[in-house]
Amino acid sequence: MAVNYLFNVSSSEDEDLDFLGDIATRNENFLEETVLNYSEEEFFSNFRVSRHVATELRDSFEGSEYYKNDSGQFGKISAHNHILIFLWFIGHEAASFADVSDRFNITKSSLERIIQRVSVFLSNLAPQVIVWPNAAEKLEIAEHFQANGFPNIIGAIDGSHLKIDKPENDPDSYINRKGYYSVQMQVVCDHTLKIRDVFIGYPGSVHDSRVYRNSSLSQTLAEKCGQYFLLGDSGYPLCANLLTPFKDRGQLTEEQTRYNVRLARNRYVIEHCFGVLKQKFRQMYHIKLRKMEYIVHLIRAACVLHNIALADEFLEEIEVLPVDMPHVIDDPDDEMDLDGDRDAQRARNFVVNNLH
């Protein structure tokens, strides 16, 4: 079945064609000449990963089932160009469909195919790139959080709203509390900001706790964590392996207050993770696709690239901006479930009593 995208374009189709005619000569050799002469720093700044990583992605993509020779009216588009065009698109917030197709001197339909192919290719690398920590890694992660005043922690969990254009199906369900269309991404990360679990696709109107309950992680958390815990904010239900803050109604003990402060301080890693992800792959600030299938693949592709980029030798200092809205309990059914059962409360109290 053919898949089409709808994109926001600032000019009419005729104007776009005229504009393409004006700049075709200027951008005809952008990849072959301009990009070829980029320094390593210039390449990293524009494509968000190093040349070495881009080359590895190209080689993997070229040998995959997702790459097919594109020998239509405008000739074959190489695997190399597929990867670079995709990286440019996902790395620039203002990259409209017209802008990217003009810059790389390709048609809009060719750009559609590139975004589709590479998104799905990268998204399907997730089982190899986004993995739960093994026993040795859990110990290393827990040692970091222990040094920061919180024992037996292997990560933090939170959700983020990613802005989208009006979806084709059931658009009202995607309107979040701030009044814009969004799709939700639930992430677990460790102290290095490495993504360890991701769950994508729930509409923006759904509360974090409901997204969590419908994720596979909620069913497997005890098995995955064992003696360890995740840290979550007040939007998540207290569970035996998921620690959340005490509600502050003015009656917290000194120990409970200390617990809340340390939880917030250690949970910051997930906010930092979201900030780095969005600042590096800026299409995540406002995704220009409407087909939900490809929105989900694009988001997961960004998460895969995020983990790959963490090991990149060309790391940059990123100013982390506020990335999301505070959580508000807006569903009575959710609020009833957040305090947890007795086992969960006992687990939290044990942690409270063993903070030093």
Protein backbone atom coordinates (compact mmCIF):
# COMPACT_ATOMS: atom_id res chain seq x y z
CA MET A 1 0.00 0.00 0.00
CA ALA A 2 1.37 3.39 -0.94
CA VAL A 3 2.10 5.70 1.97
CA ASN A 4 1.96 9.47 1.58
CA TYR A 5 2.96 12.28 3.91
CA LEU A 6 1.34 15.65 4.35
CA PHE A 7 3.77 18.44 5.11
CA ASN A 8 3.42 22.11 5.96
CA VAL A 9 4.87 24.09 3.10
CA SER A 10 5.04 27.86 3.14
CA SER A 11 4.32 28.37 -0.55
CA SER A 12 2.06 26.94 -3.23
CA GLU A 13 3.11 24.04 -5.47
CA ASP A 14 3.69 26.32 -8.47
CA GLU A 15 5.82 28.67 -6.39
CA ASP A 16 7.82 25.71 -5.10
CA LEU A 17 8.50 24.52 -8.65
CA ASP A 18 9.60 28.01 -9.71
CA PHE A 19 11.85 28.23 -6.66
CA LEU A 20 13.36 24.83 -7.41
CA GLY A 21 14.16 26.02 -10.92
CA ASP A 22 15.93 29.07 -9.53
CA ILE A 23 18.16 27.18 -7.10
CA ALA A 24 18.71 23.84 -8.84
CA THR A 25 22.09 24.89 -10.18
CA ARG A 26 23.17 26.31 -6.84
CA ASN A 27 22.36 23.11 -4.89
CA GLU A 28 23.02 20.57 -7.62
CA ASN A 29 26.38 19.54 -6.15
CA PHE A 30 25.74 20.28 -2.47
CA LEU A 31 26.60 16.75 -1.29
CA GLU A 32 29.35 16.12 -3.83
CA GLU A 33 31.20 19.40 -3.32
CA THR A 34 30.09 21.44 -0.30
CA VAL A 35 29.60 18.56 2.16
CA LEU A 36 32.68 16.76 0.86
CA ASN A 37 34.77 19.77 1.90
CA TYR A 38 33.26 20.09 5.38
CA SER A 39 35.68 19.83 8.26
CA GLU A 40 34.85 17.16 10.84
CA GLU A 41 33.39 19.86 13.10
CA GLU A 42 31.26 21.31 10.27
CA PHE A 43 30.01 17.85 9.34
CA PHE A 44 29.08 17.08 12.94
CA SER A 45 27.33 20.42 13.36
CA ASN A 46 25.14 19.88 10.30
CA PHE A 47 24.50 16.14 10.39
CA ARG A 48 24.55 15.65 14.22
CA VAL A 49 26.90 12.64 14.09
CA SER A 50 30.51 12.22 12.98
CA ARG A 51 31.51 11.14 9.48
CA HIS A 52 32.61 7.81 10.93
CA VAL A 53 29.15 7.11 12.35
CA ALA A 54 27.44 8.29 9.15
CA THR A 55 29.65 5.93 7.13
CA GLU A 56 28.81 2.99 9.40
CA LEU A 57 25.10 3.78 9.07
CA ARG A 58 25.46 3.98 5.28
CA ASP A 59 27.19 0.59 5.08
CA SER A 60 24.57 -1.05 7.29
CA PHE A 61 21.69 0.56 5.40
CA GLU A 62 23.13 -0.32 1.99
CA GLY A 63 23.21 -4.00 2.92
CA SER A 64 19.72 -4.03 4.40
CA GLU A 65 16.35 -4.94 2.96
CA TYR A 66 15.23 -1.33 3.39
CA TYR A 67 17.51 0.02 0.68
CA LYS A 68 16.44 -0.49 -2.90
CA ASN A 69 17.88 1.13 -6.02
CA ASP A 70 15.85 4.21 -6.86
CA SER A 71 16.21 4.37 -10.62
CA GLY A 72 13.17 6.41 -11.51
CA GLN A 73 12.86 9.58 -13.50
CA PHE A 74 15.59 11.36 -11.54
CA GLY A 75 18.01 8.45 -11.32
CA LYS A 76 19.30 6.31 -8.49
CA ILE A 77 19.69 7.83 -5.02
CA SER A 78 22.63 6.21 -3.25
CA ALA A 79 22.61 4.76 0.25
CA HIS A 80 25.17 7.44 1.17
CA ASN A 81 22.78 10.20 0.11
CA HIS A 82 19.84 8.49 1.83
CA ILE A 83 21.64 8.64 5.18
CA LEU A 84 22.93 12.20 4.85
CA ILE A 85 19.60 13.60 3.69
CA PHE A 86 17.79 11.86 6.53
CA LEU A 87 20.32 13.09 9.11
CA TRP A 88 19.92 16.65 7.85
CA PHE A 89 16.13 16.40 8.05
CA ILE A 90 15.99 14.95 11.56
CA GLY A 91 18.67 17.32 12.84
CA HIS A 92 17.01 20.60 11.88
CA GLU A 93 13.82 21.87 13.51
CA ALA A 94 13.00 24.27 10.66
CA ALA A 95 13.65 21.68 7.94
CA SER A 96 10.45 21.77 5.91
CA PHE A 97 9.89 19.32 3.11
CA ALA A 98 10.49 22.07 0.55
CA ASP A 99 13.69 23.24 2.26
CA VAL A 100 15.31 19.80 2.37
CA SER A 101 14.31 18.79 -1.15
CA ASP A 102 15.65 22.11 -2.47
CA ARG A 103 18.92 21.86 -0.58
CA PHE A 104 19.69 18.37 -1.85
CA ASN A 105 18.21 18.91 -5.33
CA ILE A 106 15.74 16.04 -5.11
CA THR A 107 12.00 15.86 -5.62
CA LYS A 108 9.58 15.89 -2.72
CA SER A 109 8.43 12.38 -3.56
CA SER A 110 12.04 11.19 -3.41
CA LEU A 111 12.44 12.84 -0.02
CA GLU A 112 9.28 11.07 1.19
CA ARG A 113 10.75 7.71 0.23
CA ILE A 114 14.07 8.53 1.90
CA ILE A 115 12.41 9.54 5.18
CA GLN A 116 10.26 6.40 5.14
CA ARG A 117 13.07 3.98 4.33
CA VAL A 118 15.68 5.32 6.73
CA SER A 119 13.17 5.87 9.56
CA VAL A 120 12.04 2.26 9.40
CA PHE A 121 15.62 0.99 9.01
CA LEU A 122 16.84 2.85 12.11
CA SER A 123 13.67 2.15 14.09
CA ASN A 124 14.14 -1.56 13.56
CA LEU A 125 17.67 -1.37 14.97
CA ALA A 126 16.12 -0.59 18.36
CA PRO A 127 16.28 -4.18 19.71
CA GLN A 128 20.07 -4.11 19.23
CA VAL A 129 20.69 -0.49 20.32
CA ILE A 130 18.09 0.18 23.03
CA VAL A 131 18.60 -2.61 25.55
CA TRP A 132 17.94 -3.14 29.25
CA PRO A 133 21.13 -3.16 31.36
CA ASN A 134 22.70 -6.52 32.15
CA ALA A 135 23.85 -7.53 35.64
CA ALA A 136 27.25 -5.85 35.38
CA GLU A 137 25.75 -2.67 33.96
CA LYS A 138 23.10 -2.56 36.70
CA LEU A 139 25.84 -2.66 39.32
CA GLU A 140 27.75 0.16 37.61
CA ILE A 141 24.63 2.32 37.27
CA ALA A 142 23.59 1.67 40.87
CA GLU A 143 27.05 2.70 42.08
CA HIS A 144 26.62 6.09 40.40
CA PHE A 145 23.24 6.74 42.01
CA GLN A 146 24.55 5.44 45.35
CA ALA A 147 27.33 8.02 45.19
CA ASN A 148 24.63 10.62 44.62
CA GLY A 149 22.74 9.58 47.74
CA PHE A 150 20.18 7.09 46.44
CA PRO A 151 20.71 3.30 46.72
CA ASN A 152 19.78 0.53 44.27
CA ILE A 153 18.69 2.75 41.36
CA ILE A 154 19.24 1.69 37.74
CA GLY A 155 17.42 4.46 35.91
CA ALA A 156 14.70 7.06 35.72
CA ILE A 157 11.43 7.02 33.79
CA ASP A 158 9.35 9.84 32.35
CA GLY A 159 7.17 10.78 29.42
CA SER A 160 7.60 13.56 26.89
CA HIS A 161 5.12 15.21 24.54
CA LEU A 162 6.37 15.56 20.96
CA LYS A 163 4.54 18.18 18.93
CA ILE A 164 2.95 17.03 15.68
CA ASP A 165 0.66 18.51 13.06
CA LYS A 166 -3.03 17.61 13.13
CA PRO A 167 -3.26 13.82 12.69
CA GLU A 168 -5.43 12.29 10.00
CA ASN A 169 -7.32 9.99 12.40
CA ASP A 170 -9.00 10.92 15.71
CA PRO A 171 -7.21 14.28 15.97
CA ASP A 172 -9.00 15.43 19.14
CA SER A 173 -7.39 12.66 21.21
CA TYR A 174 -3.96 14.06 20.37
CA ILE A 175 -4.63 17.50 21.89
CA ASN A 176 -2.71 17.71 25.18
CA ARG A 177 -3.25 19.91 28.22
CA LYS A 178 -1.42 22.79 26.60
CA GLY A 179 -3.73 22.71 23.62
CA TYR A 180 -1.42 21.43 20.86
CA TYR A 181 -1.31 18.10 19.04
CA SER A 182 1.27 15.71 20.46
CA VAL A 183 2.28 12.08 20.61
CA GLN A 184 3.81 10.64 23.76
CA MET A 185 7.16 8.97 24.29
CA GLN A 186 7.91 7.08 27.52
CA VAL A 187 11.62 6.59 28.17
CA VAL A 188 13.85 4.94 30.77
CA CYS A 189 17.45 6.18 30.81
CA ASP A 190 20.49 5.58 32.99
CA HIS A 191 23.02 8.03 34.47
CA THR A 192 24.91 8.30 31.15
CA LEU A 193 21.65 9.40 29.42
CA LYS A 194 21.59 6.11 27.51
CA ILE A 195 18.03 5.12 26.63
CA ARG A 196 17.23 1.69 28.09
CA ASP A 197 13.55 1.39 27.17
CA VAL A 198 11.18 3.38 24.97
CA PHE A 199 7.43 3.20 24.38
CA ILE A 200 5.96 5.49 21.72
CA GLY A 201 2.62 6.37 20.19
CA TYR A 202 -0.04 7.22 22.77
CA PRO A 203 -2.05 10.39 22.04
CA GLY A 204 -1.23 13.58 23.91
CA SER A 205 -4.46 13.59 25.91
CA VAL A 206 -3.55 10.39 27.79
CA HIS A 207 -1.99 10.69 31.25
CA ASP A 208 1.51 9.32 31.96
CA SER A 209 0.24 6.72 34.41
CA ARG A 210 -2.13 5.28 31.83
CA VAL A 211 0.60 5.20 29.19
CA TYR A 212 2.80 3.33 31.67
CA ARG A 213 0.09 0.80 32.57
CA ASN A 214 -0.36 0.01 28.88
CA SER A 215 3.34 -0.40 28.18
CA SER A 216 5.03 -3.79 28.25
CA LEU A 217 7.45 -2.41 30.84
CA SER A 218 4.71 -2.28 33.48
CA GLN A 219 4.21 -6.03 33.09
CA THR A 220 7.91 -6.96 33.14
CA LEU A 221 9.38 -4.37 35.53
CA ALA A 222 9.74 -6.70 38.53
CA GLU A 223 11.58 -9.28 36.45
CA LYS A 224 13.80 -6.66 34.81
CA CYS A 225 14.68 -4.80 38.00
CA GLY A 226 14.97 -7.57 40.58
CA GLN A 227 16.43 -5.88 43.69
CA TYR A 228 16.75 -2.51 41.92
CA PHE A 229 14.40 0.44 41.35
CA LEU A 230 13.49 3.07 38.79
CA LEU A 231 12.74 6.66 39.79
CA GLY A 232 9.57 8.35 38.56
CA ASP A 233 7.76 11.59 39.28
CA SER A 234 4.31 12.02 40.80
CA GLY A 235 2.65 11.25 37.49
CA TYR A 236 3.58 7.57 37.88
CA PRO A 237 2.10 4.92 40.15
CA LEU A 238 4.17 3.80 43.12
CA CYS A 239 5.24 0.18 42.51
CA ALA A 240 7.57 -2.25 44.21
CA ASN A 241 10.28 -1.41 41.65
CA LEU A 242 9.19 2.15 40.75
CA LEU A 243 9.77 4.80 43.40
CA THR A 244 7.79 8.04 43.32
CA PRO A 245 7.66 11.08 45.64
CA PHE A 246 5.47 11.39 48.70
CA LYS A 247 2.58 13.78 48.18
CA ASP A 248 3.36 16.94 50.11
CA ARG A 249 0.24 17.98 52.01
CA GLY A 250 2.25 19.81 54.64
CA GLN A 251 2.70 16.78 56.89
CA LEU A 252 5.86 15.12 55.56
CA THR A 253 8.45 13.91 58.03
CA GLU A 254 12.05 15.05 57.78
CA GLU A 255 12.98 11.66 56.33
CA GLN A 256 10.22 11.81 53.71
CA THR A 257 11.23 15.33 52.71
CA ARG A 258 14.86 14.23 52.34
CA TYR A 259 13.70 11.30 50.22
CA ASN A 260 11.69 13.61 47.93
CA VAL A 261 14.63 15.99 47.49
CA ARG A 262 17.06 13.20 46.63
CA LEU A 263 14.60 11.56 44.27
CA ALA A 264 14.13 14.82 42.35
CA ARG A 265 17.90 15.38 42.21
CA ASN A 266 18.58 11.90 40.86
CA ARG A 267 15.59 11.85 38.51
CA TYR A 268 17.05 14.84 36.67
CA VAL A 269 18.90 12.44 34.35
CA ILE A 270 15.71 11.72 32.41
CA GLU A 271 14.97 15.42 31.91
CA HIS A 272 18.54 15.88 30.74
CA CYS A 273 18.13 12.93 28.37
CA PHE A 274 15.05 14.49 26.76
CA GLY A 275 16.82 17.82 26.45
CA VAL A 276 19.86 16.31 24.73
CA LEU A 277 17.68 14.19 22.41
CA LYS A 278 15.62 17.16 21.27
CA GLN A 279 18.51 19.59 20.97
CA LYS A 280 20.51 17.15 18.85
CA PHE A 281 17.68 15.83 16.66
CA ARG A 282 15.59 18.98 16.48
CA GLN A 283 12.84 17.57 14.32
CA MET A 284 11.64 16.19 17.68
CA TYR A 285 10.54 19.72 18.64
CA HIS A 286 7.92 19.62 15.88
CA ILE A 287 7.58 16.53 13.72
CA LYS A 288 6.51 17.41 10.18
CA LEU A 289 4.75 14.11 9.38
CA ARG A 290 1.08 13.16 9.78
CA LYS A 291 1.04 9.41 9.16
CA MET A 292 1.21 8.01 12.68
CA GLU A 293 3.07 4.88 11.58
CA TYR A 294 5.98 6.97 10.32
CA ILE A 295 5.84 9.43 13.21
CA VAL A 296 6.46 6.50 15.57
CA HIS A 297 9.29 5.16 13.40
CA LEU A 298 10.90 8.61 13.19
CA ILE A 299 10.81 9.06 16.98
CA ARG A 300 12.26 5.61 17.60
CA ALA A 301 14.91 6.32 14.95
CA ALA A 302 15.89 9.46 16.88
CA CYS A 303 16.24 7.38 20.06
CA VAL A 304 18.47 4.89 18.24
CA LEU A 305 20.62 7.72 16.89
CA HIS A 306 20.76 9.25 20.37
CA ASN A 307 22.29 6.07 21.82
CA ILE A 308 24.70 5.71 18.90
CA ALA A 309 25.74 9.36 19.25
CA LEU A 310 26.54 8.93 22.96
CA ALA A 311 29.52 6.82 21.94
CA ASP A 312 30.55 9.28 19.22
CA GLU A 313 33.98 10.81 19.58
CA PHE A 314 32.60 14.20 18.54
CA LEU A 315 30.52 15.13 21.56
CA GLU A 316 29.23 18.67 21.95
CA GLU A 317 28.14 20.77 24.86
CA ILE A 318 24.37 21.10 24.60
CA GLU A 319 22.38 23.71 26.45
CA VAL A 320 19.45 21.81 27.90
CA LEU A 321 16.26 23.81 27.68
CA PRO A 322 13.00 23.15 29.55
CA VAL A 323 11.43 20.37 27.52
CA ASP A 324 8.02 19.59 28.90
CA MET A 325 5.07 20.56 31.01
CA PRO A 326 4.69 19.62 34.68
CA HIS A 327 2.50 16.63 35.32
CA VAL A 328 -1.04 17.30 36.46
CA ILE A 329 -3.40 14.61 37.67
CA ASP A 330 -6.45 15.12 35.50
CA ASP A 331 -8.13 11.74 35.75
CA PRO A 332 -9.66 10.56 39.06
CA ASP A 333 -9.05 6.93 38.13
CA ASP A 334 -5.36 7.67 37.66
CA GLU A 335 -5.07 9.50 40.97
CA MET A 336 -6.56 6.55 42.86
CA ASP A 337 -3.87 4.23 41.48
CA LEU A 338 -0.79 6.36 42.16
CA ASP A 339 -0.27 5.57 45.87
CA GLY A 340 0.55 1.92 45.21
CA ASP A 341 -0.26 -1.23 47.17
CA ARG A 342 1.18 -2.21 50.54
CA ASP A 343 4.19 -3.97 49.04
CA ALA A 344 5.06 -0.83 47.08
CA GLN A 345 4.64 1.37 50.15
CA ARG A 346 6.83 -0.97 52.22
CA ALA A 347 9.53 -0.86 49.54
CA ARG A 348 9.51 2.93 49.53
CA ASN A 349 9.54 3.14 53.32
CA PHE A 350 12.52 0.77 53.41
CA VAL A 351 14.41 3.13 51.09
CA VAL A 352 13.39 6.15 53.18
CA ASN A 353 14.71 4.53 56.34
CA ASN A 354 18.02 3.60 54.71
CA LEU A 355 18.95 6.96 53.21
CA HIS A 356 22.08 8.37 54.83
